[in-house]
Amino acid sequence: MSVKVTVTGLEALHERWAAVKAVARQNIQAALDKSAEEMVSSAQAVCPVEHGELRDSIHAHPGRKPMSVVVVAGSDRPSKH
């Protein structure tokens, strides 16, 4: 006895899944960016300030891998003073 199964709509399912993944990635990246900016703001608010160099060095930038963000303090940015 053999059974034959026919699946229809698989290509449409793959297309919809790709669209869902793209939207999810956008939403995740937006949430990461927002969280990173909140971290930057919080760190700048509690940072001790003498000349403002450390406070001004606190920033966020995209990470090396997809869907990643890096928050940095005390980077090698040129000093204002």
PDB file of N, CA and C in Angstrom:
ATOM      1  N   MET A   1       0.838  -1.166   0.000  1.00  0.00           N
ATOM      2  CA  MET A   1       0.000   0.000   0.000  1.00  0.00           C
ATOM      3  C   MET A   1       0.892   1.241   0.000  1.00  0.00           C
ATOM      4  N   SER A   2       0.609   2.144  -0.886  1.00  0.00           N
ATOM      5  CA  SER A   2       1.374   3.397  -0.925  1.00  0.00           C
ATOM      6  C   SER A   2       0.423   4.561  -0.656  1.00  0.00           C
ATOM      7  N   VAL A   3       0.998   5.593  -0.094  1.00  0.00           N
ATOM      8  CA  VAL A   3       0.217   6.773   0.228  1.00  0.00           C
ATOM      9  C   VAL A   3       0.826   7.941  -0.514  1.00  0.00           C
ATOM     10  N   LYS A   4       0.007   8.701  -1.157  1.00  0.00           N
ATOM     11  CA  LYS A   4       0.481   9.877  -1.869  1.00  0.00           C
ATOM     12  C   LYS A   4      -0.035  11.112  -1.139  1.00  0.00           C
ATOM     13  N   VAL A   5       0.901  12.021  -0.820  1.00  0.00           N
ATOM     14  CA  VAL A   5       0.537  13.249  -0.145  1.00  0.00           C
ATOM     15  C   VAL A   5       0.930  14.406  -1.048  1.00  0.00           C
ATOM     16  N   THR A   6       0.022  15.305  -1.244  1.00  0.00           N
ATOM     17  CA  THR A   6       0.294  16.490  -2.039  1.00  0.00           C
ATOM     18  C   THR A   6       0.165  17.709  -1.141  1.00  0.00           C
ATOM     19  N   VAL A   7       1.218  18.498  -1.130  1.00  0.00           N
ATOM     20  CA  VAL A   7       1.216  19.708  -0.315  1.00  0.00           C
ATOM     21  C   VAL A   7       1.116  20.890  -1.257  1.00  0.00           C
ATOM     22  N   THR A   8       0.129  21.711  -1.037  1.00  0.00           N
ATOM     23  CA  THR A   8      -0.005  22.911  -1.863  1.00  0.00           C
ATOM     24  C   THR A   8       0.225  24.131  -0.989  1.00  0.00           C
ATOM     25  N   GLY A   9       0.707  25.179  -1.594  1.00  0.00           N
ATOM     26  CA  GLY A   9       0.919  26.424  -0.875  1.00  0.00           C
ATOM     27  C   GLY A   9       2.245  26.500  -0.135  1.00  0.00           C
ATOM     28  N   LEU A  10       3.129  25.549  -0.368  1.00  0.00           N
ATOM     29  CA  LEU A  10       4.406  25.549   0.342  1.00  0.00           C
ATOM     30  C   LEU A  10       5.251  26.767  -0.032  1.00  0.00           C
ATOM     31  N   GLU A  11       5.253  27.133  -1.291  1.00  0.00           N
ATOM     32  CA  GLU A  11       6.031  28.310  -1.716  1.00  0.00           C
ATOM     33  C   GLU A  11       5.492  29.575  -1.044  1.00  0.00           C
ATOM     34  N   ALA A  12       4.181  29.704  -0.974  1.00  0.00           N
ATOM     35  CA  ALA A  12       3.581  30.862  -0.303  1.00  0.00           C
ATOM     36  C   ALA A  12       3.937  30.863   1.183  1.00  0.00           C
ATOM     37  N   LEU A  13       3.966  29.686   1.789  1.00  0.00           N
ATOM     38  CA  LEU A  13       4.342  29.587   3.196  1.00  0.00           C
ATOM     39  C   LEU A  13       5.785  30.050   3.392  1.00  0.00           C
ATOM     40  N   HIS A  14       6.676  29.629   2.522  1.00  0.00           N
ATOM     41  CA  HIS A  14       8.078  30.061   2.604  1.00  0.00           C
ATOM     42  C   HIS A  14       8.202  31.572   2.449  1.00  0.00           C
ATOM     43  N   GLU A  15       7.448  32.137   1.540  1.00  0.00           N
ATOM     44  CA  GLU A  15       7.473  33.591   1.334  1.00  0.00           C
ATOM     45  C   GLU A  15       6.972  34.333   2.568  1.00  0.00           C
ATOM     46  N   ARG A  16       5.884  33.845   3.134  1.00  0.00           N
ATOM     47  CA  ARG A  16       5.338  34.496   4.335  1.00  0.00           C
ATOM     48  C   ARG A  16       6.293  34.355   5.510  1.00  0.00           C
ATOM     49  N   TRP A  17       6.922  33.193   5.628  1.00  0.00           N
ATOM     50  CA  TRP A  17       7.879  32.991   6.720  1.00  0.00           C
ATOM     51  C   TRP A  17       9.068  33.940   6.561  1.00  0.00           C
ATOM     52  N   ALA A  18       9.536  34.139   5.346  1.00  0.00           N
ATOM     53  CA  ALA A  18      10.636  35.074   5.104  1.00  0.00           C
ATOM     54  C   ALA A  18      10.221  36.493   5.497  1.00  0.00           C
ATOM     55  N   ALA A  19       8.991  36.856   5.192  1.00  0.00           N
ATOM     56  CA  ALA A  19       8.494  38.190   5.554  1.00  0.00           C
ATOM     57  C   ALA A  19       8.394  38.331   7.072  1.00  0.00           C
ATOM     58  N   VAL A  20       7.929  37.293   7.732  1.00  0.00           N
ATOM     59  CA  VAL A  20       7.827  37.319   9.199  1.00  0.00           C
ATOM     60  C   VAL A  20       9.217  37.468   9.807  1.00  0.00           C
ATOM     61  N   LYS A  21      10.192  36.736   9.297  1.00  0.00           N
ATOM     62  CA  LYS A  21      11.561  36.832   9.825  1.00  0.00           C
ATOM     63  C   LYS A  21      12.126  38.231   9.621  1.00  0.00           C
ATOM     64  N   ALA A  22      11.864  38.832   8.474  1.00  0.00           N
ATOM     65  CA  ALA A  22      12.372  40.180   8.200  1.00  0.00           C
ATOM     66  C   ALA A  22      11.775  41.199   9.169  1.00  0.00           C
ATOM     67  N   VAL A  23      10.481  41.106   9.403  1.00  0.00           N
ATOM     68  CA  VAL A  23       9.820  42.024  10.333  1.00  0.00           C
ATOM     69  C   VAL A  23      10.335  41.791  11.757  1.00  0.00           C
ATOM     70  N   ALA A  24      10.498  40.536  12.123  1.00  0.00           N
ATOM     71  CA  ALA A  24      11.016  40.219  13.460  1.00  0.00           C
ATOM     72  C   ALA A  24      12.413  40.804  13.639  1.00  0.00           C
ATOM     73  N   ARG A  25      13.260  40.661  12.638  1.00  0.00           N
ATOM     74  CA  ARG A  25      14.618  41.225  12.733  1.00  0.00           C
ATOM     75  C   ARG A  25      14.580  42.735  12.878  1.00  0.00           C
ATOM     76  N   GLN A  26      13.722  43.393  12.124  1.00  0.00           N
ATOM     77  CA  GLN A  26      13.594  44.852  12.229  1.00  0.00           C
ATOM     78  C   GLN A  26      13.142  45.248  13.638  1.00  0.00           C
ATOM     79  N   ASN A  27      12.168  44.539  14.153  1.00  0.00           N
ATOM     80  CA  ASN A  27      11.650  44.853  15.494  1.00  0.00           C
ATOM     81  C   ASN A  27      12.693  44.576  16.576  1.00  0.00           C
ATOM     82  N   ILE A  28      13.415  43.488  16.426  1.00  0.00           N
ATOM     83  CA  ILE A  28      14.462  43.168  17.398  1.00  0.00           C
ATOM     84  C   ILE A  28      15.556  44.224  17.355  1.00  0.00           C
ATOM     85  N   GLN A  29      15.981  44.617  16.147  1.00  0.00           N
ATOM     86  CA  GLN A  29      17.024  45.637  16.031  1.00  0.00           C
ATOM     87  C   GLN A  29      16.560  46.962  16.620  1.00  0.00           C
ATOM     88  N   ALA A  30      15.317  47.323  16.368  1.00  0.00           N
ATOM     89  CA  ALA A  30      14.779  48.568  16.934  1.00  0.00           C
ATOM     90  C   ALA A  30      14.781  48.511  18.464  1.00  0.00           C
ATOM     91  N   ALA A  31      14.411  47.360  19.027  1.00  0.00           N
ATOM     92  CA  ALA A  31      14.413  47.204  20.480  1.00  0.00           C
ATOM     93  C   ALA A  31      15.835  47.260  21.034  1.00  0.00           C
ATOM     94  N   LEU A  32      16.780  46.648  20.339  1.00  0.00           N
ATOM     95  CA  LEU A  32      18.179  46.711  20.766  1.00  0.00           C
ATOM     96  C   LEU A  32      18.698  48.144  20.727  1.00  0.00           C
ATOM     97  N   ASP A  33      18.390  48.861  19.656  1.00  0.00           N
ATOM     98  CA  ASP A  33      18.833  50.254  19.528  1.00  0.00           C
ATOM     99  C   ASP A  33      18.251  51.116  20.641  1.00  0.00           C
ATOM    100  N   LYS A  34      16.964  50.921  20.917  1.00  0.00           N
ATOM    101  CA  LYS A  34      16.313  51.700  21.977  1.00  0.00           C
ATOM    102  C   LYS A  34      16.938  51.384  23.327  1.00  0.00           C
ATOM    103  N   SER A  35      17.165  50.115  23.610  1.00  0.00           N
ATOM    104  CA  SER A  35      17.783  49.720  24.876  1.00  0.00           C
ATOM    105  C   SER A  35      19.188  50.285  25.005  1.00  0.00           C
ATOM    106  N   ALA A  36      19.943  50.262  23.924  1.00  0.00           N
ATOM    107  CA  ALA A  36      21.300  50.800  23.952  1.00  0.00           C
ATOM    108  C   ALA A  36      21.276  52.296  24.230  1.00  0.00           C
ATOM    109  N   GLU A  37      20.362  53.020  23.609  1.00  0.00           N
ATOM    110  CA  GLU A  37      20.276  54.465  23.858  1.00  0.00           C
ATOM    111  C   GLU A  37      19.849  54.746  25.298  1.00  0.00           C
ATOM    112  N   GLU A  38      18.978  53.907  25.858  1.00  0.00           N
ATOM    113  CA  GLU A  38      18.590  54.059  27.263  1.00  0.00           C
ATOM    114  C   GLU A  38      19.793  53.806  28.170  1.00  0.00           C
ATOM    115  N   MET A  39      20.617  52.817  27.826  1.00  0.00           N
ATOM    116  CA  MET A  39      21.833  52.554  28.601  1.00  0.00           C
ATOM    117  C   MET A  39      22.794  53.739  28.527  1.00  0.00           C
ATOM    118  N   VAL A  40      22.948  54.284  27.326  1.00  0.00           N
ATOM    119  CA  VAL A  40      23.823  55.447  27.148  1.00  0.00           C
ATOM    120  C   VAL A  40      23.327  56.597  28.022  1.00  0.00           C
ATOM    121  N   SER A  41      22.047  56.894  27.955  1.00  0.00           N
ATOM    122  CA  SER A  41      21.484  57.989  28.747  1.00  0.00           C
ATOM    123  C   SER A  41      21.670  57.760  30.236  1.00  0.00           C
ATOM    124  N   SER A  42      21.420  56.530  30.686  1.00  0.00           N
ATOM    125  CA  SER A  42      21.572  56.213  32.108  1.00  0.00           C
ATOM    126  C   SER A  42      23.030  56.333  32.543  1.00  0.00           C
ATOM    127  N   ALA A  43      23.931  55.808  31.740  1.00  0.00           N
ATOM    128  CA  ALA A  43      25.355  55.871  32.078  1.00  0.00           C
ATOM    129  C   ALA A  43      25.847  57.314  32.096  1.00  0.00           C
ATOM    130  N   GLN A  44      25.397  58.115  31.145  1.00  0.00           N
ATOM    131  CA  GLN A  44      25.802  59.522  31.114  1.00  0.00           C
ATOM    132  C   GLN A  44      25.246  60.278  32.322  1.00  0.00           C
ATOM    133  N   ALA A  45      24.060  59.911  32.763  1.00  0.00           N
ATOM    134  CA  ALA A  45      23.432  60.595  33.895  1.00  0.00           C
ATOM    135  C   ALA A  45      24.158  60.340  35.210  1.00  0.00           C
ATOM    136  N   VAL A  46      24.740  59.164  35.379  1.00  0.00           N
ATOM    137  CA  VAL A  46      25.402  58.840  36.645  1.00  0.00           C
ATOM    138  C   VAL A  46      26.927  58.945  36.575  1.00  0.00           C
ATOM    139  N   CYS A  47      27.438  59.282  35.423  1.00  0.00           N
ATOM    140  CA  CYS A  47      28.886  59.369  35.227  1.00  0.00           C
ATOM    141  C   CYS A  47      29.448  60.594  35.953  1.00  0.00           C
ATOM    142  N   PRO A  48      30.548  60.417  36.708  1.00  0.00           N
ATOM    143  CA  PRO A  48      31.161  61.591  37.326  1.00  0.00           C
ATOM    144  C   PRO A  48      31.713  62.525  36.241  1.00  0.00           C
ATOM    145  N   VAL A  49      31.566  63.820  36.453  1.00  0.00           N
ATOM    146  CA  VAL A  49      31.979  64.774  35.424  1.00  0.00           C
ATOM    147  C   VAL A  49      32.976  65.775  35.998  1.00  0.00           C
ATOM    148  N   GLU A  50      34.169  65.762  35.432  1.00  0.00           N
ATOM    149  CA  GLU A  50      35.138  66.804  35.751  1.00  0.00           C
ATOM    150  C   GLU A  50      35.268  67.710  34.539  1.00  0.00           C
ATOM    151  N   HIS A  51      35.603  67.100  33.401  1.00  0.00           N
ATOM    152  CA  HIS A  51      35.679  67.855  32.151  1.00  0.00           C
ATOM    153  C   HIS A  51      34.640  67.375  31.145  1.00  0.00           C
ATOM    154  N   GLY A  52      33.990  66.267  31.455  1.00  0.00           N
ATOM    155  CA  GLY A  52      32.958  65.737  30.572  1.00  0.00           C
ATOM    156  C   GLY A  52      33.472  64.763  29.531  1.00  0.00           C
ATOM    157  N   GLU A  53      34.767  64.467  29.556  1.00  0.00           N
ATOM    158  CA  GLU A  53      35.328  63.573  28.535  1.00  0.00           C
ATOM    159  C   GLU A  53      34.757  62.164  28.621  1.00  0.00           C
ATOM    160  N   LEU A  54      34.709  61.612  29.828  1.00  0.00           N
ATOM    161  CA  LEU A  54      34.162  60.261  29.980  1.00  0.00           C
ATOM    162  C   LEU A  54      32.690  60.244  29.605  1.00  0.00           C
ATOM    163  N   ARG A  55      31.929  61.197  30.135  1.00  0.00           N
ATOM    164  CA  ARG A  55      30.496  61.270  29.817  1.00  0.00           C
ATOM    165  C   ARG A  55      30.288  61.384  28.305  1.00  0.00           C
ATOM    166  N   ASP A  56      31.077  62.245  27.665  1.00  0.00           N
ATOM    167  CA  ASP A  56      30.920  62.451  26.223  1.00  0.00           C
ATOM    168  C   ASP A  56      31.377  61.249  25.401  1.00  0.00           C
ATOM    169  N   SER A  57      32.189  60.385  25.996  1.00  0.00           N
ATOM    170  CA  SER A  57      32.677  59.216  25.254  1.00  0.00           C
ATOM    171  C   SER A  57      31.658  58.079  25.237  1.00  0.00           C
ATOM    172  N   ILE A  58      30.668  58.149  26.100  1.00  0.00           N
ATOM    173  CA  ILE A  58      29.674  57.069  26.186  1.00  0.00           C
ATOM    174  C   ILE A  58      28.771  57.139  24.958  1.00  0.00           C
ATOM    175  N   HIS A  59      28.749  56.038  24.212  1.00  0.00           N
ATOM    176  CA  HIS A  59      27.949  55.995  22.983  1.00  0.00           C
ATOM    177  C   HIS A  59      27.625  54.545  22.617  1.00  0.00           C
ATOM    178  N   ALA A  60      26.717  54.404  21.689  1.00  0.00           N
ATOM    179  CA  ALA A  60      26.343  53.085  21.176  1.00  0.00           C
ATOM    180  C   ALA A  60      26.625  53.054  19.689  1.00  0.00           C
ATOM    181  N   HIS A  61      26.985  51.878  19.200  1.00  0.00           N
ATOM    182  CA  HIS A  61      27.162  51.702  17.762  1.00  0.00           C
ATOM    183  C   HIS A  61      26.811  50.262  17.391  1.00  0.00           C
ATOM    184  N   PRO A  62      26.547  50.018  16.110  1.00  0.00           N
ATOM    185  CA  PRO A  62      26.202  48.658  15.695  1.00  0.00           C
ATOM    186  C   PRO A  62      27.330  47.682  16.033  1.00  0.00           C
ATOM    187  N   GLY A  63      26.967  46.480  16.426  1.00  0.00           N
ATOM    188  CA  GLY A  63      27.960  45.448  16.698  1.00  0.00           C
ATOM    189  C   GLY A  63      28.462  44.832  15.406  1.00  0.00           C
ATOM    190  N   ARG A  64      29.404  43.954  15.532  1.00  0.00           N
ATOM    191  CA  ARG A  64      29.990  43.290  14.357  1.00  0.00           C
ATOM    192  C   ARG A  64      29.053  42.260  13.738  1.00  0.00           C
ATOM    193  N   LYS A  65      28.183  41.699  14.564  1.00  0.00           N
ATOM    194  CA  LYS A  65      27.273  40.672  14.083  1.00  0.00           C
ATOM    195  C   LYS A  65      25.888  41.258  13.890  1.00  0.00           C
ATOM    196  N   PRO A  66      25.078  40.644  13.049  1.00  0.00           N
ATOM    197  CA  PRO A  66      23.711  41.125  12.863  1.00  0.00           C
ATOM    198  C   PRO A  66      22.957  41.135  14.190  1.00  0.00           C
ATOM    199  N   MET A  67      22.060  42.059  14.314  1.00  0.00           N
ATOM    200  CA  MET A  67      21.212  42.211  15.488  1.00  0.00           C
ATOM    201  C   MET A  67      22.053  42.313  16.766  1.00  0.00           C
ATOM    202  N   SER A  68      23.047  43.198  16.737  1.00  0.00           N
ATOM    203  CA  SER A  68      23.832  43.445  17.930  1.00  0.00           C
ATOM    204  C   SER A  68      24.172  44.932  18.011  1.00  0.00           C
ATOM    205  N   VAL A  69      24.308  45.408  19.239  1.00  0.00           N
ATOM    206  CA  VAL A  69      24.652  46.802  19.501  1.00  0.00           C
ATOM    207  C   VAL A  69      25.699  46.796  20.611  1.00  0.00           C
ATOM    208  N   VAL A  70      26.658  47.709  20.517  1.00  0.00           N
ATOM    209  CA  VAL A  70      27.709  47.818  21.521  1.00  0.00           C
ATOM    210  C   VAL A  70      27.596  49.182  22.190  1.00  0.00           C
ATOM    211  N   VAL A  71      27.644  49.196  23.515  1.00  0.00           N
ATOM    212  CA  VAL A  71      27.675  50.447  24.267  1.00  0.00           C
ATOM    213  C   VAL A  71      29.094  50.589  24.807  1.00  0.00           C
ATOM    214  N   VAL A  72      29.706  51.752  24.548  1.00  0.00           N
ATOM    215  CA  VAL A  72      31.118  51.970  24.877  1.00  0.00           C
ATOM    216  C   VAL A  72      31.250  53.197  25.763  1.00  0.00           C
ATOM    217  N   ALA A  73      32.169  53.114  26.714  1.00  0.00           N
ATOM    218  CA  ALA A  73      32.528  54.271  27.537  1.00  0.00           C
ATOM    219  C   ALA A  73      34.045  54.338  27.601  1.00  0.00           C
ATOM    220  N   GLY A  74      34.586  55.552  27.537  1.00  0.00           N
ATOM    221  CA  GLY A  74      36.025  55.718  27.647  1.00  0.00           C
ATOM    222  C   GLY A  74      36.760  55.279  26.398  1.00  0.00           C
ATOM    223  N   SER A  75      36.190  55.513  25.254  1.00  0.00           N
ATOM    224  CA  SER A  75      36.813  55.103  23.997  1.00  0.00           C
ATOM    225  C   SER A  75      38.009  55.991  23.678  1.00  0.00           C
ATOM    226  N   ASP A  76      38.616  55.746  22.556  1.00  0.00           N
ATOM    227  CA  ASP A  76      39.785  56.501  22.115  1.00  0.00           C
ATOM    228  C   ASP A  76      39.422  57.749  21.329  1.00  0.00           C
ATOM    229  N   ARG A  77      38.250  58.285  21.589  1.00  0.00           N
ATOM    230  CA  ARG A  77      37.875  59.519  20.909  1.00  0.00           C
ATOM    231  C   ARG A  77      38.836  60.635  21.298  1.00  0.00           C
ATOM    232  N   PRO A  78      39.126  61.533  20.386  1.00  0.00           N
ATOM    233  CA  PRO A  78      40.021  62.641  20.728  1.00  0.00           C
ATOM    234  C   PRO A  78      39.461  63.492  21.872  1.00  0.00           C
ATOM    235  N   SER A  79      40.319  63.916  22.734  1.00  0.00           N
ATOM    236  CA  SER A  79      39.922  64.742  23.868  1.00  0.00           C
ATOM    237  C   SER A  79      39.613  66.160  23.428  1.00  0.00           C
ATOM    238  N   LYS A  80      38.594  66.753  24.071  1.00  0.00           N
ATOM    239  CA  LYS A  80      38.260  68.157  23.790  1.00  0.00           C
ATOM    240  C   LYS A  80      39.199  69.073  24.543  1.00  0.00           C
ATOM    241  N   HIS A  81      39.880  68.519  25.562  1.00  0.00           N
ATOM    242  CA  HIS A  81      40.742  69.339  26.412  1.00  0.00           C
ATOM    243  C   HIS A  81      42.177  68.931  26.252  1.00  0.00           C
TER     244      HIS A  81
END
